[in-house]
Amino acid sequence: MDISLVLAQIVGIFLVVAGISMAANSKETAAVVEEAAQHKGILWTWGIMALLIGASMVVLNDVWTPGLPLIVTILGWLALVKGVFILFFPRAAGVLYRKCGKSGSMVFWGLVVLIVGLILLYW
């Protein structure tokens, strides 16, 4: 099986579950994001996780040809950049999380995450 397809399925399942959870539990998700934005340890953990996931995806699938491999590569680079951003600029990341983490916007972001996940699963 192609590594791009495997990564797309793994990330797709994660995004579908996370998107549904974000939309269905918008108030709780907003509270978690707000709390995480205030705690350096949680932000650091999120940064390390994003860095590891992004680095793994980029190393396994750094393909710049159109189609699913390109989408997986872009998602990997976005995760890598997110991890670096959080680790190098934790205060700015906290501010950004607080701005995006309002309970009203969690339904929107949950649906966006869900749609991206479904695209990856059904490509």
C-alpha atoms as a PDB file:
ATOM      1  CA  MET A   1       0.000   0.000   0.000  1.00  0.00           C
ATOM      2  CA  ASP A   2       1.256   3.485  -0.841  1.00  0.00           C
ATOM      3  CA  ILE A   3       2.579   5.465   2.159  1.00  0.00           C
ATOM      4  CA  SER A   4       0.567   8.529   1.079  1.00  0.00           C
ATOM      5  CA  LEU A   5      -2.636   6.519   1.262  1.00  0.00           C
ATOM      6  CA  VAL A   6      -1.743   5.059   4.671  1.00  0.00           C
ATOM      7  CA  LEU A   7      -0.915   8.485   6.098  1.00  0.00           C
ATOM      8  CA  ALA A   8      -4.077   9.973   4.571  1.00  0.00           C
ATOM      9  CA  GLN A   9      -6.194   7.262   6.188  1.00  0.00           C
ATOM     10  CA  ILE A  10      -4.552   7.677   9.603  1.00  0.00           C
ATOM     11  CA  VAL A  11      -4.821  11.471   9.533  1.00  0.00           C
ATOM     12  CA  GLY A  12      -8.322  11.239   8.022  1.00  0.00           C
ATOM     13  CA  ILE A  13      -9.636   9.042  10.835  1.00  0.00           C
ATOM     14  CA  PHE A  14      -8.066  11.346  13.429  1.00  0.00           C
ATOM     15  CA  LEU A  15      -9.541  14.470  11.811  1.00  0.00           C
ATOM     16  CA  VAL A  16     -13.031  12.976  11.438  1.00  0.00           C
ATOM     17  CA  VAL A  17     -13.159  11.969  15.103  1.00  0.00           C
ATOM     18  CA  ALA A  18     -11.621  15.259  16.269  1.00  0.00           C
ATOM     19  CA  GLY A  19     -13.932  17.323  14.048  1.00  0.00           C
ATOM     20  CA  ILE A  20     -17.072  15.598  15.281  1.00  0.00           C
ATOM     21  CA  SER A  21     -15.889  15.959  18.874  1.00  0.00           C
ATOM     22  CA  MET A  22     -15.083  19.655  18.403  1.00  0.00           C
ATOM     23  CA  ALA A  23     -18.487  20.391  16.868  1.00  0.00           C
ATOM     24  CA  ALA A  24     -20.501  18.237  19.258  1.00  0.00           C
ATOM     25  CA  ASN A  25     -18.697  19.451  22.389  1.00  0.00           C
ATOM     26  CA  SER A  26     -17.934  23.030  21.388  1.00  0.00           C
ATOM     27  CA  LYS A  27     -18.151  24.506  24.899  1.00  0.00           C
ATOM     28  CA  GLU A  28     -15.919  21.837  26.414  1.00  0.00           C
ATOM     29  CA  THR A  29     -13.451  22.079  23.516  1.00  0.00           C
ATOM     30  CA  ALA A  30     -13.286  25.864  23.877  1.00  0.00           C
ATOM     31  CA  ALA A  31     -12.610  25.454  27.610  1.00  0.00           C
ATOM     32  CA  VAL A  32      -9.802  22.974  26.899  1.00  0.00           C
ATOM     33  CA  VAL A  33      -8.218  25.310  24.342  1.00  0.00           C
ATOM     34  CA  GLU A  34      -8.479  28.262  26.743  1.00  0.00           C
ATOM     35  CA  GLU A  35      -6.910  26.272  29.568  1.00  0.00           C
ATOM     36  CA  ALA A  36      -4.143  24.933  27.330  1.00  0.00           C
ATOM     37  CA  ALA A  37      -3.338  28.431  26.087  1.00  0.00           C
ATOM     38  CA  GLN A  38      -2.636  29.472  29.683  1.00  0.00           C
ATOM     39  CA  HIS A  39      -0.399  26.528  30.619  1.00  0.00           C
ATOM     40  CA  LYS A  40       3.122  26.387  29.215  1.00  0.00           C
ATOM     41  CA  GLY A  41       3.425  22.654  29.809  1.00  0.00           C
ATOM     42  CA  ILE A  42       0.346  21.816  27.776  1.00  0.00           C
ATOM     43  CA  LEU A  43       1.411  24.128  24.958  1.00  0.00           C
ATOM     44  CA  TRP A  44       4.881  22.590  24.988  1.00  0.00           C
ATOM     45  CA  THR A  45       3.349  19.096  24.776  1.00  0.00           C
ATOM     46  CA  TRP A  46       1.134  20.160  21.861  1.00  0.00           C
ATOM     47  CA  GLY A  47       4.175  21.646  20.130  1.00  0.00           C
ATOM     48  CA  ILE A  48       6.222  18.472  20.576  1.00  0.00           C
ATOM     49  CA  MET A  49       3.336  16.325  19.309  1.00  0.00           C
ATOM     50  CA  ALA A  50       2.801  18.510  16.244  1.00  0.00           C
ATOM     51  CA  LEU A  51       6.538  18.541  15.560  1.00  0.00           C
ATOM     52  CA  LEU A  52       6.801  14.737  15.801  1.00  0.00           C
ATOM     53  CA  ILE A  53       3.731  14.115  13.663  1.00  0.00           C
ATOM     54  CA  GLY A  54       4.781  16.673  11.056  1.00  0.00           C
ATOM     55  CA  ALA A  55       8.379  15.452  10.928  1.00  0.00           C
ATOM     56  CA  SER A  56       7.203  11.850  10.536  1.00  0.00           C
ATOM     57  CA  MET A  57       4.851  12.754   7.716  1.00  0.00           C
ATOM     58  CA  VAL A  58       7.456  14.859   5.919  1.00  0.00           C
ATOM     59  CA  VAL A  59      10.155  12.195   6.213  1.00  0.00           C
ATOM     60  CA  LEU A  60       7.833   9.420   5.069  1.00  0.00           C
ATOM     61  CA  ASN A  61       6.051  11.405   2.349  1.00  0.00           C
ATOM     62  CA  ASP A  62       7.836  14.466   0.957  1.00  0.00           C
ATOM     63  CA  VAL A  63       6.191  14.210  -2.465  1.00  0.00           C
ATOM     64  CA  TRP A  64       5.380  17.320  -4.480  1.00  0.00           C
ATOM     65  CA  THR A  65       3.315  15.785  -7.287  1.00  0.00           C
ATOM     66  CA  PRO A  66      -0.389  16.636  -7.658  1.00  0.00           C
ATOM     67  CA  GLY A  67      -2.990  14.553  -5.900  1.00  0.00           C
ATOM     68  CA  LEU A  68      -3.218  12.854  -2.540  1.00  0.00           C
ATOM     69  CA  PRO A  69       0.580  12.700  -1.964  1.00  0.00           C
ATOM     70  CA  LEU A  70       0.775  16.497  -2.262  1.00  0.00           C
ATOM     71  CA  ILE A  71      -2.087  17.022   0.191  1.00  0.00           C
ATOM     72  CA  VAL A  72      -0.431  14.671   2.712  1.00  0.00           C
ATOM     73  CA  THR A  73       2.903  16.477   2.232  1.00  0.00           C
ATOM     74  CA  ILE A  74       1.300  19.887   2.797  1.00  0.00           C
ATOM     75  CA  LEU A  75      -0.481  18.646   5.945  1.00  0.00           C
ATOM     76  CA  GLY A  76       2.819  17.239   7.205  1.00  0.00           C
ATOM     77  CA  TRP A  77       4.641  20.521   6.622  1.00  0.00           C
ATOM     78  CA  LEU A  78       1.808  22.454   8.290  1.00  0.00           C
ATOM     79  CA  ALA A  79       2.052  20.221  11.361  1.00  0.00           C
ATOM     80  CA  LEU A  80       5.835  20.629  11.415  1.00  0.00           C
ATOM     81  CA  VAL A  81       5.605  24.417  11.149  1.00  0.00           C
ATOM     82  CA  LYS A  82       2.890  24.470  13.831  1.00  0.00           C
ATOM     83  CA  GLY A  83       5.104  22.511  16.204  1.00  0.00           C
ATOM     84  CA  VAL A  84       8.069  24.815  15.591  1.00  0.00           C
ATOM     85  CA  PHE A  85       5.846  27.885  16.047  1.00  0.00           C
ATOM     86  CA  ILE A  86       4.461  26.660  19.359  1.00  0.00           C
ATOM     87  CA  LEU A  87       7.902  25.704  20.684  1.00  0.00           C
ATOM     88  CA  PHE A  88       9.641  28.923  19.637  1.00  0.00           C
ATOM     89  CA  PHE A  89       6.760  31.369  20.224  1.00  0.00           C
ATOM     90  CA  PRO A  90       4.596  29.915  23.012  1.00  0.00           C
ATOM     91  CA  ARG A  91       3.080  33.268  24.039  1.00  0.00           C
ATOM     92  CA  ALA A  92       2.013  34.073  20.479  1.00  0.00           C
ATOM     93  CA  ALA A  93       0.646  30.546  20.117  1.00  0.00           C
ATOM     94  CA  GLY A  94      -1.339  30.974  23.337  1.00  0.00           C
ATOM     95  CA  VAL A  95      -2.819  34.253  22.085  1.00  0.00           C
ATOM     96  CA  LEU A  96      -3.719  32.627  18.766  1.00  0.00           C
ATOM     97  CA  TYR A  97      -5.332  29.649  20.492  1.00  0.00           C
ATOM     98  CA  ARG A  98      -7.383  31.979  22.709  1.00  0.00           C
ATOM     99  CA  LYS A  99      -8.606  33.939  19.672  1.00  0.00           C
ATOM    100  CA  CYS A 100      -9.556  30.828  17.715  1.00  0.00           C
ATOM    101  CA  GLY A 101     -10.862  28.924  20.724  1.00  0.00           C
ATOM    102  CA  LYS A 102     -14.163  30.693  21.304  1.00  0.00           C
ATOM    103  CA  SER A 103     -17.033  28.231  21.776  1.00  0.00           C
ATOM    104  CA  GLY A 104     -19.008  29.732  18.903  1.00  0.00           C
ATOM    105  CA  SER A 105     -16.175  29.158  16.468  1.00  0.00           C
ATOM    106  CA  MET A 106     -15.534  25.583  17.610  1.00  0.00           C
ATOM    107  CA  VAL A 107     -18.512  24.308  15.637  1.00  0.00           C
ATOM    108  CA  PHE A 108     -17.132  25.990  12.499  1.00  0.00           C
ATOM    109  CA  TRP A 109     -13.586  24.678  13.039  1.00  0.00           C
ATOM    110  CA  GLY A 110     -14.955  21.248  13.916  1.00  0.00           C
ATOM    111  CA  LEU A 111     -16.819  21.113  10.618  1.00  0.00           C
ATOM    112  CA  VAL A 112     -13.727  22.262   8.703  1.00  0.00           C
ATOM    113  CA  VAL A 113     -11.642  19.558  10.391  1.00  0.00           C
ATOM    114  CA  LEU A 114     -14.365  16.971   9.694  1.00  0.00           C
ATOM    115  CA  ILE A 115     -14.533  17.885   5.995  1.00  0.00           C
ATOM    116  CA  VAL A 116     -10.751  17.694   5.568  1.00  0.00           C
ATOM    117  CA  GLY A 117     -10.789  14.312   7.296  1.00  0.00           C
ATOM    118  CA  LEU A 118     -13.548  13.013   5.027  1.00  0.00           C
ATOM    119  CA  ILE A 119     -11.676  14.234   1.951  1.00  0.00           C
ATOM    120  CA  LEU A 120      -8.592  12.325   3.074  1.00  0.00           C
ATOM    121  CA  LEU A 121     -10.585   9.157   3.754  1.00  0.00           C
ATOM    122  CA  TYR A 122     -12.529   9.153   0.485  1.00  0.00           C
ATOM    123  CA  TRP A 123      -9.852  10.428  -1.935  1.00  0.00           C
END
